[in-house]
C-alpha atoms as a PDB file:
ATOM      1  CA  MET A   1     -66.307 -20.242  38.459  1.00  0.00           C
ATOM      2  CA  ASP A   2     -63.017 -19.436  39.943  1.00  0.00           C
ATOM      3  CA  THR A   3     -61.541 -22.552  41.722  1.00  0.00           C
ATOM      4  CA  VAL A   4     -59.775 -21.939  44.985  1.00  0.00           C
ATOM      5  CA  PRO A   5     -56.500 -23.822  45.239  1.00  0.00           C
ATOM      6  CA  TYR A   6     -56.842 -24.714  48.942  1.00  0.00           C
ATOM      7  CA  ASP A   7     -59.780 -25.866  50.782  1.00  0.00           C
ATOM      8  CA  VAL A   8     -59.413 -24.080  54.417  1.00  0.00           C
ATOM      9  CA  TYR A   9     -61.769 -26.579  55.907  1.00  0.00           C
ATOM     10  CA  SER A  10     -59.429 -29.502  55.140  1.00  0.00           C
ATOM     11  CA  ARG A  11     -57.388 -30.362  58.086  1.00  0.00           C
ATOM     12  CA  HIS A  12     -54.287 -30.597  55.575  1.00  0.00           C
ATOM     13  CA  CYS A  13     -54.759 -27.096  54.076  1.00  0.00           C
ATOM     14  CA  PRO A  14     -51.640 -24.996  54.288  1.00  0.00           C
ATOM     15  CA  ALA A  15     -53.637 -21.708  54.516  1.00  0.00           C
ATOM     16  CA  ARG A  16     -54.866 -22.961  58.183  1.00  0.00           C
ATOM     17  CA  LEU A  17     -51.349 -21.713  59.330  1.00  0.00           C
ATOM     18  CA  PHE A  18     -52.279 -18.376  58.474  1.00  0.00           C
ATOM     19  CA  PHE A  19     -55.531 -18.448  60.617  1.00  0.00           C
ATOM     20  CA  ASP A  20     -53.337 -20.380  63.500  1.00  0.00           C
ATOM     21  CA  ARG A  21     -51.224 -17.401  63.544  1.00  0.00           C
ATOM     22  CA  LEU A  22     -53.866 -14.732  63.418  1.00  0.00           C
ATOM     23  CA  ALA A  23     -55.657 -16.645  66.294  1.00  0.00           C
ATOM     24  CA  GLU A  24     -52.481 -15.997  68.581  1.00  0.00           C
ATOM     25  CA  SER A  25     -52.639 -13.341  71.145  1.00  0.00           C
ATOM     26  CA  TRP A  26     -50.912  -9.923  70.127  1.00  0.00           C
ATOM     27  CA  VAL A  27     -50.515 -10.542  66.367  1.00  0.00           C
ATOM     28  CA  LEU A  28     -53.575  -8.312  65.067  1.00  0.00           C
ATOM     29  CA  LEU A  29     -52.537  -5.534  67.816  1.00  0.00           C
ATOM     30  CA  ILE A  30     -49.281  -5.724  66.422  1.00  0.00           C
ATOM     31  CA  ILE A  31     -50.108  -5.584  62.675  1.00  0.00           C
ATOM     32  CA  GLY A  32     -52.965  -2.938  63.733  1.00  0.00           C
ATOM     33  CA  LEU A  33     -50.770  -0.473  65.232  1.00  0.00           C
ATOM     34  CA  LEU A  34     -47.983  -0.864  62.388  1.00  0.00           C
ATOM     35  CA  ARG A  35     -50.941   0.198  59.881  1.00  0.00           C
ATOM     36  CA  LYS A  36     -52.296   2.904  62.006  1.00  0.00           C
ATOM     37  CA  GLU A  37     -48.863   4.650  62.294  1.00  0.00           C
ATOM     38  CA  GLY A  38     -48.140   4.130  58.390  1.00  0.00           C
ATOM     39  CA  ALA A  39     -44.361   4.296  59.389  1.00  0.00           C
ATOM     40  CA  PRO A  40     -41.893   1.761  60.883  1.00  0.00           C
ATOM     41  CA  LEU A  41     -41.607   1.642  64.661  1.00  0.00           C
ATOM     42  CA  ARG A  42     -38.811   0.917  66.910  1.00  0.00           C
ATOM     43  CA  PHE A  43     -39.262  -2.372  69.341  1.00  0.00           C
ATOM     44  CA  ASN A  44     -39.540  -0.253  72.578  1.00  0.00           C
ATOM     45  CA  ASP A  45     -42.450   1.919  70.768  1.00  0.00           C
ATOM     46  CA  LEU A  46     -44.299  -1.021  69.918  1.00  0.00           C
ATOM     47  CA  LYS A  47     -43.941  -2.424  73.386  1.00  0.00           C
ATOM     48  CA  ARG A  48     -44.966   1.006  75.000  1.00  0.00           C
ATOM     49  CA  ARG A  49     -48.166   1.227  73.133  1.00  0.00           C
ATOM     50  CA  ILE A  50     -49.419  -2.083  73.204  1.00  0.00           C
ATOM     51  CA  ASP A  51     -50.618  -2.308  76.738  1.00  0.00           C
ATOM     52  CA  GLY A  52     -49.557  -5.840  78.576  1.00  0.00           C
ATOM     53  CA  ILE A  53     -47.402  -7.153  76.017  1.00  0.00           C
ATOM     54  CA  SER A  54     -44.105  -8.513  77.405  1.00  0.00           C
ATOM     55  CA  GLN A  55     -40.838  -7.997  75.771  1.00  0.00           C
ATOM     56  CA  LYS A  56     -40.333 -11.453  75.331  1.00  0.00           C
ATOM     57  CA  VAL A  57     -43.842 -12.033  73.661  1.00  0.00           C
ATOM     58  CA  LEU A  58     -43.641  -9.003  71.554  1.00  0.00           C
ATOM     59  CA  SER A  59     -39.838 -10.238  70.234  1.00  0.00           C
ATOM     60  CA  GLN A  60     -41.502 -13.900  69.386  1.00  0.00           C
ATOM     61  CA  LYS A  61     -44.375 -12.404  67.580  1.00  0.00           C
ATOM     62  CA  LEU A  62     -42.307  -9.922  65.798  1.00  0.00           C
ATOM     63  CA  LYS A  63     -40.151 -12.835  64.534  1.00  0.00           C
ATOM     64  CA  GLN A  64     -43.035 -15.054  63.341  1.00  0.00           C
ATOM     65  CA  LEU A  65     -44.656 -12.130  61.644  1.00  0.00           C
ATOM     66  CA  GLU A  66     -41.580 -11.379  59.972  1.00  0.00           C
ATOM     67  CA  ARG A  67     -41.077 -15.106  59.092  1.00  0.00           C
ATOM     68  CA  ASP A  68     -44.491 -15.065  57.740  1.00  0.00           C
ATOM     69  CA  GLY A  69     -43.546 -12.198  55.358  1.00  0.00           C
ATOM     70  CA  LEU A  70     -45.977  -9.670  56.842  1.00  0.00           C
ATOM     71  CA  VAL A  71     -43.411  -7.678  58.901  1.00  0.00           C
ATOM     72  CA  SER A  72     -39.960  -6.222  57.571  1.00  0.00           C
ATOM     73  CA  ARG A  73     -37.279  -5.417  60.092  1.00  0.00           C
ATOM     74  CA  GLU A  74     -34.661  -2.950  59.557  1.00  0.00           C
ATOM     75  CA  LEU A  75     -31.423  -2.942  61.490  1.00  0.00           C
ATOM     76  CA  PHE A  76     -29.459   0.562  61.593  1.00  0.00           C
ATOM     77  CA  PRO A  77     -25.979   0.076  62.402  1.00  0.00           C
ATOM     78  CA  CYS A  78     -25.383   2.939  64.964  1.00  0.00           C
ATOM     79  CA  VAL A  79     -24.708   2.948  68.507  1.00  0.00           C
ATOM     80  CA  PRO A  80     -26.776   1.959  70.329  1.00  0.00           C
ATOM     81  CA  VAL A  81     -28.241  -0.231  67.321  1.00  0.00           C
ATOM     82  CA  ARG A  82     -31.621   0.833  66.216  1.00  0.00           C
ATOM     83  CA  VAL A  83     -33.965  -1.584  64.819  1.00  0.00           C
ATOM     84  CA  GLU A  84     -37.478  -0.824  63.402  1.00  0.00           C
ATOM     85  CA  TYR A  85     -40.298  -2.969  62.398  1.00  0.00           C
ATOM     86  CA  GLY A  86     -42.742  -2.053  59.434  1.00  0.00           C
ATOM     87  CA  LEU A  87     -45.461  -3.714  57.591  1.00  0.00           C
ATOM     88  CA  THR A  88     -44.345  -5.365  54.102  1.00  0.00           C
ATOM     89  CA  GLU A  89     -46.617  -5.184  50.883  1.00  0.00           C
ATOM     90  CA  LEU A  90     -48.231  -8.398  52.105  1.00  0.00           C
ATOM     91  CA  GLY A  91     -48.494  -7.339  55.521  1.00  0.00           C
ATOM     92  CA  LEU A  92     -50.208  -4.023  54.419  1.00  0.00           C
ATOM     93  CA  SER A  93     -52.511  -5.902  52.178  1.00  0.00           C
ATOM     94  CA  PHE A  94     -53.716  -8.013  55.289  1.00  0.00           C
ATOM     95  CA  ALA A  95     -53.825  -4.876  57.468  1.00  0.00           C
ATOM     96  CA  ALA A  96     -56.448  -3.445  54.999  1.00  0.00           C
ATOM     97  CA  THR A  97     -58.622  -6.426  55.467  1.00  0.00           C
ATOM     98  CA  MET A  98     -57.911  -6.461  58.761  1.00  0.00           C
ATOM     99  CA  GLU A  99     -59.358  -3.044  59.451  1.00  0.00           C
ATOM    100  CA  GLN A 100     -62.776  -4.160  58.192  1.00  0.00           C
ATOM    101  CA  LEU A 101     -62.670  -6.655  61.116  1.00  0.00           C
ATOM    102  CA  THR A 102     -61.888  -3.889  63.477  1.00  0.00           C
ATOM    103  CA  GLY A 103     -64.555  -1.667  62.472  1.00  0.00           C
ATOM    104  CA  TRP A 104     -67.134  -4.315  62.621  1.00  0.00           C
ATOM    105  CA  ALA A 105     -65.787  -5.207  66.196  1.00  0.00           C
ATOM    106  CA  GLN A 106     -65.864  -1.679  67.139  1.00  0.00           C
ATOM    107  CA  GLN A 107     -69.568  -1.274  65.893  1.00  0.00           C
ATOM    108  CA  ASN A 108     -70.740  -4.643  67.449  1.00  0.00           C
ATOM    109  CA  VAL A 109     -69.015  -4.832  70.728  1.00  0.00           C
ATOM    110  CA  GLU A 110     -71.988  -3.688  72.746  1.00  0.00           C
ATOM    111  CA  ALA A 111     -74.414  -5.860  71.107  1.00  0.00           C
ATOM    112  CA  MET A 112     -72.033  -8.962  71.751  1.00  0.00           C
ATOM    113  CA  ALA A 113     -71.771  -7.938  75.409  1.00  0.00           C
ATOM    114  CA  GLN A 114     -75.583  -7.754  75.639  1.00  0.00           C
ATOM    115  CA  ALA A 115     -75.763 -11.189  73.836  1.00  0.00           C
ATOM    116  CA  GLN A 116     -73.229 -12.396  76.444  1.00  0.00           C
ATOM    117  CA  HIS A 117     -75.345 -11.157  79.533  1.00  0.00           C
ATOM    118  CA  ARG A 118     -78.659 -12.558  78.089  1.00  0.00           C
ATOM    119  CA  TYR A 119     -76.801 -16.115  77.626  1.00  0.00           C
ATOM    120  CA  ASP A 120     -75.342 -15.982  81.090  1.00  0.00           C
ATOM    121  CA  ALA A 121     -78.648 -15.078  82.618  1.00  0.00           C
ATOM    122  CA  ALA A 122     -80.274 -17.718  81.052  1.00  0.00           C
ATOM    123  CA  GLN A 123     -77.605 -20.152  81.875  1.00  0.00           C
ATOM    124  CA  ALA A 124     -77.747 -19.221  85.607  1.00  0.00           C
ATOM    125  CA  ALA A 125     -81.312 -19.631  85.425  1.00  0.00           C
ATOM    126  CA  ARG A 126     -81.224 -23.011  84.109  1.00  0.00           C
ATOM    127  CA  GLU A 127     -78.730 -24.071  86.617  1.00  0.00           C
ATOM    128  CA  ALA A 128     -80.725 -22.568  89.397  1.00  0.00           C
ATOM    129  CA  GLU A 129     -83.723 -24.550  88.167  1.00  0.00           C
ATOM    130  CA  ARG A 130     -81.579 -27.869  87.950  1.00  0.00           C
ATOM    131  CA  ALA A 131     -80.558 -27.403  91.537  1.00  0.00           C
ATOM    132  CA  ARG A 132     -83.842 -26.783  92.999  1.00  0.00           C
ATOM    133  CA  PRO A 133     -85.109 -30.031  94.675  1.00  0.00           C
ATOM    134  CA  ALA A 134     -87.804 -32.114  92.413  1.00  0.00           C
ATOM    135  CA  LEU A 135     -91.464 -31.821  93.921  1.00  0.00           C
ATOM    136  CA  ARG A 136     -92.578 -34.984  95.159  1.00  0.00           C
ATOM    137  CA  PHE A 137     -96.069 -36.285  94.790  1.00  0.00           C
ATOM    138  CA  VAL A 138     -97.854 -36.451  98.171  1.00  0.00           C
ATOM    139  CA  ASN A 139    -100.903 -38.648  98.299  1.00  0.00           C
ATOM    140  CA  THR A 140    -103.521 -36.354  99.675  1.00  0.00           C
ATOM    141  CA  LEU A 141    -106.514 -38.610  99.364  1.00  0.00           C
ATOM    142  CA  PRO A 142    -108.120 -39.957 102.665  1.00  0.00           C
ATOM    143  CA  GLU A 143    -107.368 -43.880 103.200  1.00  0.00           C
ATOM    144  CA  ARG A 144    -110.360 -46.314 103.134  1.00  0.00           C
END
């Protein structure tokens, strides 16, 4: 059996940094869009196509992904300066794995929404039951 060099369940595992990065908002959408296009995109193209992302956040996430080795940044010296972002080999490798997660999410989003609805309805019923006043035992036997 192969041994794994890192135990991701250990608090001190450096591989946890990868999970932390993926848990951040927007990261999967940025990587997914770059993978979907199959070619580098300019900053404004990314911003326009990822609905709701701010310029500041997109800039921060691209810098983090570049530092992590998942995204490359290419500067073209022209007026105005043009910058394009694309996936590195490492980023492409991860994006292929990410496509499996994306497919799973798309296939199961309705099942998850139904499960959430069932859970919320059951939770509301439990809370209503707790809020209902307790019935008291009333002695209806005649006194002697």
